[in-house]
Amino acid sequence: MRGGPLPWGVPGRRTPTDVFDDAVLDSALRLQRLHRPALDAVSFAVQQIPDDLEDLRARDTGELLADGGIPMGRLDERDGRVVVVVFRRVVEQFAGRDIPIADAVHDAIVELVASWLHWDPEAVDPHYGRFE
């Protein structure tokens, strides 16, 4: 069967990047609702892979790590704001087939925010770590 491409906005047209970006946005909005004053100075961003991927593979950084010793994200400071950067390819690889991508994204973001606030991840979100 032949036909034109799918119109914008239909579920079949969504790319894996769109799904990932939406998961980051949903997670960010959830955490901002839970902790509005504490997260007013926080922004969220997505990056494909860490800039220093080869260096990270060669050393143990002690950061939030996916399998293989690569961090799933990092905290940056830009213009006086904290930016939670999530590495798309690393989180996707960590999630694999066993963990829904939205849950893997949310847990990565919760761990990064918890690290920044010096809180336990469960204090940031009580549903942390519960892949359903």
N, C-alpha and C. Protein backbone atom coordinates (compact mmCIF):
# COMPACT_ATOMS: atom_id res chain seq x y z
N MET A 1 0.85 -1.18 0.00
CA MET A 1 0.00 0.00 0.00
C MET A 1 0.89 1.23 0.00
N ARG A 2 0.58 2.13 -0.88
CA ARG A 2 1.37 3.35 -0.98
C ARG A 2 0.54 4.55 -0.57
N GLY A 3 1.23 5.53 -0.07
CA GLY A 3 0.54 6.75 0.32
C GLY A 3 1.55 7.78 0.75
N GLY A 4 1.07 8.92 1.06
CA GLY A 4 1.93 9.99 1.51
C GLY A 4 2.47 9.71 2.90
N PRO A 5 3.45 10.48 3.32
CA PRO A 5 3.99 10.30 4.67
C PRO A 5 2.92 10.62 5.71
N LEU A 6 3.14 10.09 6.87
CA LEU A 6 2.21 10.36 7.97
C LEU A 6 2.20 11.84 8.31
N PRO A 7 1.03 12.38 8.63
CA PRO A 7 0.99 13.80 9.02
C PRO A 7 1.67 14.01 10.37
N TRP A 8 2.12 15.24 10.59
CA TRP A 8 2.74 15.59 11.86
C TRP A 8 1.75 15.37 12.99
N GLY A 9 2.28 14.90 14.13
CA GLY A 9 1.46 14.78 15.33
C GLY A 9 0.84 13.42 15.55
N VAL A 10 0.84 12.55 14.55
CA VAL A 10 0.27 11.22 14.77
C VAL A 10 1.32 10.33 15.43
N PRO A 11 0.90 9.37 16.27
CA PRO A 11 1.88 8.57 17.01
C PRO A 11 2.90 7.86 16.14
N GLY A 12 2.53 7.41 14.96
CA GLY A 12 3.48 6.72 14.09
C GLY A 12 4.58 7.60 13.58
N ARG A 13 4.40 8.89 13.65
CA ARG A 13 5.37 9.84 13.13
C ARG A 13 6.44 10.20 14.17
N ARG A 14 6.20 9.83 15.41
CA ARG A 14 7.12 10.21 16.50
C ARG A 14 8.41 9.41 16.41
N THR A 15 9.50 10.10 16.47
CA THR A 15 10.81 9.46 16.43
C THR A 15 11.24 9.07 17.84
N PRO A 16 12.24 8.19 17.96
CA PRO A 16 12.76 7.89 19.30
C PRO A 16 13.27 9.15 20.02
N THR A 17 13.80 10.09 19.28
CA THR A 17 14.25 11.34 19.89
C THR A 17 13.07 12.10 20.48
N ASP A 18 11.95 12.14 19.75
CA ASP A 18 10.75 12.80 20.27
C ASP A 18 10.28 12.14 21.56
N VAL A 19 10.25 10.81 21.57
CA VAL A 19 9.81 10.07 22.76
C VAL A 19 10.72 10.38 23.94
N PHE A 20 12.03 10.39 23.71
CA PHE A 20 13.00 10.66 24.77
C PHE A 20 12.83 12.09 25.30
N ASP A 21 12.74 13.05 24.40
CA ASP A 21 12.58 14.45 24.80
C ASP A 21 11.31 14.64 25.62
N ASP A 22 10.23 13.98 25.22
CA ASP A 22 8.99 14.06 25.98
C ASP A 22 9.14 13.45 27.37
N ALA A 23 9.90 12.36 27.47
CA ALA A 23 10.14 11.74 28.78
C ALA A 23 10.91 12.68 29.70
N VAL A 24 11.89 13.39 29.15
CA VAL A 24 12.65 14.37 29.94
C VAL A 24 11.73 15.50 30.39
N LEU A 25 10.90 15.99 29.49
CA LEU A 25 9.98 17.07 29.84
C LEU A 25 8.99 16.62 30.91
N ASP A 26 8.42 15.44 30.75
CA ASP A 26 7.47 14.92 31.75
C ASP A 26 8.13 14.77 33.12
N SER A 27 9.34 14.25 33.14
CA SER A 27 10.06 14.07 34.40
C SER A 27 10.37 15.43 35.04
N ALA A 28 10.83 16.37 34.24
CA ALA A 28 11.15 17.70 34.75
C ALA A 28 9.91 18.36 35.34
N LEU A 29 8.79 18.27 34.63
CA LEU A 29 7.55 18.88 35.13
C LEU A 29 7.09 18.22 36.43
N ARG A 30 7.21 16.90 36.51
CA ARG A 30 6.83 16.19 37.73
C ARG A 30 7.66 16.67 38.92
N LEU A 31 8.98 16.74 38.72
CA LEU A 31 9.85 17.16 39.83
C LEU A 31 9.64 18.63 40.19
N GLN A 32 9.38 19.46 39.21
CA GLN A 32 9.13 20.87 39.51
C GLN A 32 7.82 21.05 40.27
N ARG A 33 6.82 20.21 39.99
CA ARG A 33 5.58 20.27 40.77
C ARG A 33 5.82 19.81 42.20
N LEU A 34 6.66 18.79 42.37
CA LEU A 34 6.94 18.27 43.71
C LEU A 34 7.80 19.21 44.55
N HIS A 35 8.72 19.92 43.91
CA HIS A 35 9.72 20.72 44.63
C HIS A 35 9.89 22.09 43.99
N ARG A 36 8.80 22.79 43.78
CA ARG A 36 8.84 24.06 43.06
C ARG A 36 9.90 25.04 43.58
N PRO A 37 9.94 25.39 44.85
CA PRO A 37 10.94 26.41 45.23
C PRO A 37 12.37 25.92 45.04
N ALA A 38 12.63 24.67 45.34
CA ALA A 38 14.00 24.15 45.27
C ALA A 38 14.50 24.03 43.84
N LEU A 39 13.58 23.86 42.89
CA LEU A 39 13.99 23.63 41.50
C LEU A 39 13.75 24.82 40.58
N ASP A 40 13.49 25.99 41.16
CA ASP A 40 13.26 27.16 40.32
C ASP A 40 14.50 27.54 39.50
N ALA A 41 15.68 27.24 40.00
CA ALA A 41 16.91 27.61 39.30
C ALA A 41 17.47 26.45 38.47
N VAL A 42 16.62 25.47 38.14
CA VAL A 42 17.09 24.29 37.41
C VAL A 42 16.46 24.26 36.02
N SER A 43 17.29 23.98 35.03
CA SER A 43 16.84 23.74 33.67
C SER A 43 17.22 22.32 33.29
N PHE A 44 16.60 21.80 32.26
CA PHE A 44 16.86 20.44 31.82
C PHE A 44 17.24 20.45 30.35
N ALA A 45 18.18 19.58 29.99
CA ALA A 45 18.65 19.51 28.60
C ALA A 45 18.98 18.07 28.25
N VAL A 46 19.01 17.81 26.95
CA VAL A 46 19.37 16.49 26.44
C VAL A 46 20.58 16.64 25.54
N GLN A 47 21.52 15.72 25.70
CA GLN A 47 22.70 15.67 24.85
C GLN A 47 22.83 14.22 24.40
N GLN A 48 23.27 14.00 23.18
CA GLN A 48 23.36 12.63 22.65
C GLN A 48 24.28 11.76 23.48
N ILE A 49 25.53 12.17 23.63
CA ILE A 49 26.53 11.44 24.41
C ILE A 49 27.39 12.45 25.14
N PRO A 50 28.13 12.00 26.16
CA PRO A 50 29.04 12.94 26.83
C PRO A 50 30.12 13.44 25.87
N ASP A 51 30.52 14.69 26.04
CA ASP A 51 31.58 15.25 25.18
C ASP A 51 32.88 14.49 25.32
N ASP A 52 33.18 14.04 26.53
CA ASP A 52 34.45 13.38 26.81
C ASP A 52 34.26 11.87 26.97
N LEU A 53 33.51 11.28 26.06
CA LEU A 53 33.15 9.86 26.17
C LEU A 53 34.38 8.96 26.28
N GLU A 54 35.38 9.18 25.48
CA GLU A 54 36.57 8.32 25.51
C GLU A 54 37.31 8.43 26.84
N ASP A 55 37.40 9.64 27.39
CA ASP A 55 38.05 9.81 28.69
C ASP A 55 37.25 9.13 29.80
N LEU A 56 35.94 9.23 29.72
CA LEU A 56 35.09 8.61 30.73
C LEU A 56 35.21 7.09 30.72
N ARG A 57 35.35 6.52 29.57
CA ARG A 57 35.51 5.07 29.49
C ARG A 57 36.85 4.63 30.09
N ALA A 58 37.83 5.51 30.07
CA ALA A 58 39.16 5.15 30.54
C ALA A 58 39.34 5.32 32.04
N ARG A 59 38.43 6.04 32.70
CA ARG A 59 38.60 6.28 34.13
C ARG A 59 37.27 6.15 34.86
N ASP A 60 37.34 5.92 36.15
CA ASP A 60 36.14 5.86 36.98
C ASP A 60 35.90 7.24 37.54
N THR A 61 34.75 7.85 37.21
CA THR A 61 34.47 9.22 37.63
C THR A 61 33.70 9.30 38.93
N GLY A 62 33.09 8.20 39.37
CA GLY A 62 32.29 8.24 40.57
C GLY A 62 30.94 8.90 40.35
N GLU A 63 30.56 9.14 39.10
CA GLU A 63 29.28 9.77 38.79
C GLU A 63 28.21 8.71 38.61
N LEU A 64 26.99 9.19 38.36
CA LEU A 64 25.87 8.31 38.05
C LEU A 64 26.23 7.52 36.80
N LEU A 65 26.38 6.21 36.94
CA LEU A 65 26.92 5.41 35.84
C LEU A 65 25.92 4.42 35.30
N ALA A 66 25.90 4.29 34.00
CA ALA A 66 25.19 3.21 33.34
C ALA A 66 26.17 2.05 33.23
N ASP A 67 25.70 0.94 32.71
CA ASP A 67 26.61 -0.18 32.50
C ASP A 67 27.75 0.28 31.60
N GLY A 68 28.95 -0.14 31.89
CA GLY A 68 30.10 0.25 31.12
C GLY A 68 30.80 1.48 31.66
N GLY A 69 30.36 2.02 32.78
CA GLY A 69 31.07 3.12 33.42
C GLY A 69 30.86 4.49 32.79
N ILE A 70 29.79 4.67 32.03
CA ILE A 70 29.54 5.96 31.39
C ILE A 70 28.39 6.65 32.13
N PRO A 71 28.54 7.92 32.48
CA PRO A 71 27.47 8.61 33.21
C PRO A 71 26.22 8.79 32.34
N MET A 72 25.05 8.73 32.98
CA MET A 72 23.78 8.93 32.26
C MET A 72 23.43 10.41 32.17
N GLY A 73 24.18 11.24 32.87
CA GLY A 73 23.93 12.67 32.82
C GLY A 73 24.96 13.41 33.63
N ARG A 74 24.81 14.73 33.66
CA ARG A 74 25.72 15.56 34.45
C ARG A 74 25.00 16.84 34.84
N LEU A 75 25.59 17.52 35.80
CA LEU A 75 25.10 18.81 36.23
C LEU A 75 26.04 19.89 35.72
N ASP A 76 25.49 20.89 35.07
CA ASP A 76 26.26 22.03 34.58
C ASP A 76 25.73 23.29 35.23
N GLU A 77 26.54 24.32 35.22
CA GLU A 77 26.06 25.62 35.66
C GLU A 77 26.25 26.58 34.51
N ARG A 78 25.14 27.21 34.11
CA ARG A 78 25.16 28.17 33.00
C ARG A 78 24.38 29.40 33.42
N ASP A 79 25.01 30.53 33.35
CA ASP A 79 24.35 31.80 33.66
C ASP A 79 23.66 31.79 35.02
N GLY A 80 24.31 31.21 36.01
CA GLY A 80 23.77 31.18 37.36
C GLY A 80 22.66 30.17 37.58
N ARG A 81 22.38 29.34 36.59
CA ARG A 81 21.36 28.30 36.71
C ARG A 81 22.02 26.94 36.65
N VAL A 82 21.42 25.99 37.32
CA VAL A 82 21.87 24.61 37.25
C VAL A 82 21.16 23.96 36.07
N VAL A 83 21.92 23.25 35.25
CA VAL A 83 21.34 22.54 34.11
C VAL A 83 21.58 21.05 34.31
N VAL A 84 20.48 20.29 34.34
CA VAL A 84 20.55 18.84 34.41
C VAL A 84 20.59 18.35 32.97
N VAL A 85 21.72 17.78 32.58
CA VAL A 85 21.91 17.30 31.21
C VAL A 85 21.81 15.77 31.23
N VAL A 86 20.92 15.23 30.40
CA VAL A 86 20.72 13.80 30.31
C VAL A 86 21.31 13.32 28.98
N PHE A 87 22.10 12.25 29.03
CA PHE A 87 22.72 11.71 27.83
C PHE A 87 21.81 10.65 27.22
N ARG A 88 21.20 11.00 26.09
CA ARG A 88 20.17 10.16 25.48
C ARG A 88 20.66 8.76 25.15
N ARG A 89 21.74 8.64 24.44
CA ARG A 89 22.21 7.31 24.01
C ARG A 89 22.59 6.43 25.21
N VAL A 90 23.16 7.02 26.22
CA VAL A 90 23.57 6.25 27.40
C VAL A 90 22.35 5.73 28.14
N VAL A 91 21.35 6.59 28.34
CA VAL A 91 20.13 6.17 29.04
C VAL A 91 19.39 5.13 28.23
N GLU A 92 19.31 5.32 26.92
CA GLU A 92 18.64 4.32 26.07
C GLU A 92 19.33 2.97 26.16
N GLN A 93 20.65 2.98 26.16
CA GLN A 93 21.38 1.72 26.26
C GLN A 93 21.17 1.08 27.63
N PHE A 94 21.15 1.89 28.69
CA PHE A 94 20.91 1.38 30.04
C PHE A 94 19.52 0.75 30.13
N ALA A 95 18.52 1.43 29.54
CA ALA A 95 17.14 0.92 29.61
C ALA A 95 17.00 -0.39 28.85
N GLY A 96 17.60 -0.46 27.69
CA GLY A 96 17.50 -1.68 26.89
C GLY A 96 16.06 -2.06 26.64
N ARG A 97 15.79 -3.35 26.73
CA ARG A 97 14.42 -3.84 26.49
C ARG A 97 13.66 -4.07 27.78
N ASP A 98 14.35 -4.04 28.90
CA ASP A 98 13.73 -4.40 30.18
C ASP A 98 13.06 -3.25 30.91
N ILE A 99 13.52 -2.03 30.67
CA ILE A 99 13.05 -0.87 31.43
C ILE A 99 12.40 0.12 30.45
N PRO A 100 11.18 0.55 30.71
CA PRO A 100 10.58 1.58 29.85
C PRO A 100 11.45 2.83 29.85
N ILE A 101 11.60 3.43 28.67
CA ILE A 101 12.50 4.57 28.53
C ILE A 101 12.09 5.72 29.46
N ALA A 102 10.80 5.95 29.64
CA ALA A 102 10.35 7.04 30.52
C ALA A 102 10.81 6.81 31.95
N ASP A 103 10.80 5.55 32.41
CA ASP A 103 11.24 5.24 33.77
C ASP A 103 12.75 5.42 33.91
N ALA A 104 13.50 4.98 32.90
CA ALA A 104 14.96 5.14 32.95
C ALA A 104 15.34 6.62 32.95
N VAL A 105 14.66 7.40 32.12
CA VAL A 105 14.92 8.85 32.07
C VAL A 105 14.61 9.48 33.42
N HIS A 106 13.44 9.15 33.97
CA HIS A 106 13.03 9.76 35.24
C HIS A 106 14.01 9.41 36.36
N ASP A 107 14.41 8.15 36.45
CA ASP A 107 15.34 7.77 37.51
C ASP A 107 16.69 8.46 37.34
N ALA A 108 17.16 8.60 36.10
CA ALA A 108 18.43 9.30 35.87
C ALA A 108 18.31 10.76 36.33
N ILE A 109 17.21 11.41 35.98
CA ILE A 109 17.01 12.80 36.38
C ILE A 109 16.87 12.92 37.89
N VAL A 110 16.13 12.01 38.50
CA VAL A 110 15.98 12.04 39.97
C VAL A 110 17.33 11.91 40.64
N GLU A 111 18.18 11.01 40.16
CA GLU A 111 19.50 10.84 40.78
C GLU A 111 20.36 12.08 40.61
N LEU A 112 20.28 12.73 39.45
CA LEU A 112 21.06 13.95 39.24
C LEU A 112 20.56 15.09 40.13
N VAL A 113 19.26 15.25 40.21
CA VAL A 113 18.69 16.30 41.08
C VAL A 113 19.02 16.00 42.53
N ALA A 114 18.93 14.75 42.94
CA ALA A 114 19.26 14.38 44.32
C ALA A 114 20.72 14.69 44.62
N SER A 115 21.59 14.43 43.67
CA SER A 115 23.01 14.75 43.85
C SER A 115 23.20 16.26 44.04
N TRP A 116 22.51 17.05 43.25
CA TRP A 116 22.64 18.50 43.35
C TRP A 116 22.09 19.02 44.67
N LEU A 117 20.96 18.48 45.11
CA LEU A 117 20.34 18.94 46.36
C LEU A 117 20.94 18.30 47.60
N HIS A 118 21.78 17.29 47.42
CA HIS A 118 22.34 16.51 48.53
C HIS A 118 21.23 15.82 49.31
N TRP A 119 20.29 15.27 48.58
CA TRP A 119 19.17 14.52 49.15
C TRP A 119 19.28 13.07 48.68
N ASP A 120 18.53 12.19 49.34
CA ASP A 120 18.37 10.83 48.85
C ASP A 120 17.42 10.87 47.66
N PRO A 121 17.62 10.01 46.66
CA PRO A 121 16.70 10.00 45.52
C PRO A 121 15.24 9.79 45.91
N GLU A 122 15.00 8.98 46.95
CA GLU A 122 13.62 8.74 47.39
C GLU A 122 12.98 10.00 47.96
N ALA A 123 13.78 10.94 48.47
CA ALA A 123 13.26 12.20 48.97
C ALA A 123 12.88 13.13 47.81
N VAL A 124 13.56 12.98 46.69
CA VAL A 124 13.23 13.78 45.51
C VAL A 124 11.94 13.28 44.88
N ASP A 125 11.80 11.97 44.77
CA ASP A 125 10.57 11.36 44.25
C ASP A 125 10.36 10.01 44.91
N PRO A 126 9.27 9.85 45.65
CA PRO A 126 9.01 8.57 46.33
C PRO A 126 8.88 7.38 45.39
N HIS A 127 8.62 7.64 44.11
CA HIS A 127 8.46 6.54 43.15
C HIS A 127 9.77 6.18 42.47
N TYR A 128 10.86 6.75 42.91
CA TYR A 128 12.18 6.48 42.33
C TYR A 128 12.49 4.98 42.38
N GLY A 129 12.98 4.44 41.29
CA GLY A 129 13.44 3.05 41.25
C GLY A 129 12.35 2.02 41.12
N ARG A 130 11.13 2.43 40.90
CA ARG A 130 10.02 1.47 40.79
C ARG A 130 9.60 1.35 39.34
N PHE A 131 10.33 0.57 38.59
CA PHE A 131 9.98 0.35 37.19
C PHE A 131 8.71 -0.46 37.12
N GLU A 132 7.68 0.13 36.55
CA GLU A 132 6.37 -0.57 36.49
C GLU A 132 6.05 -0.96 35.09
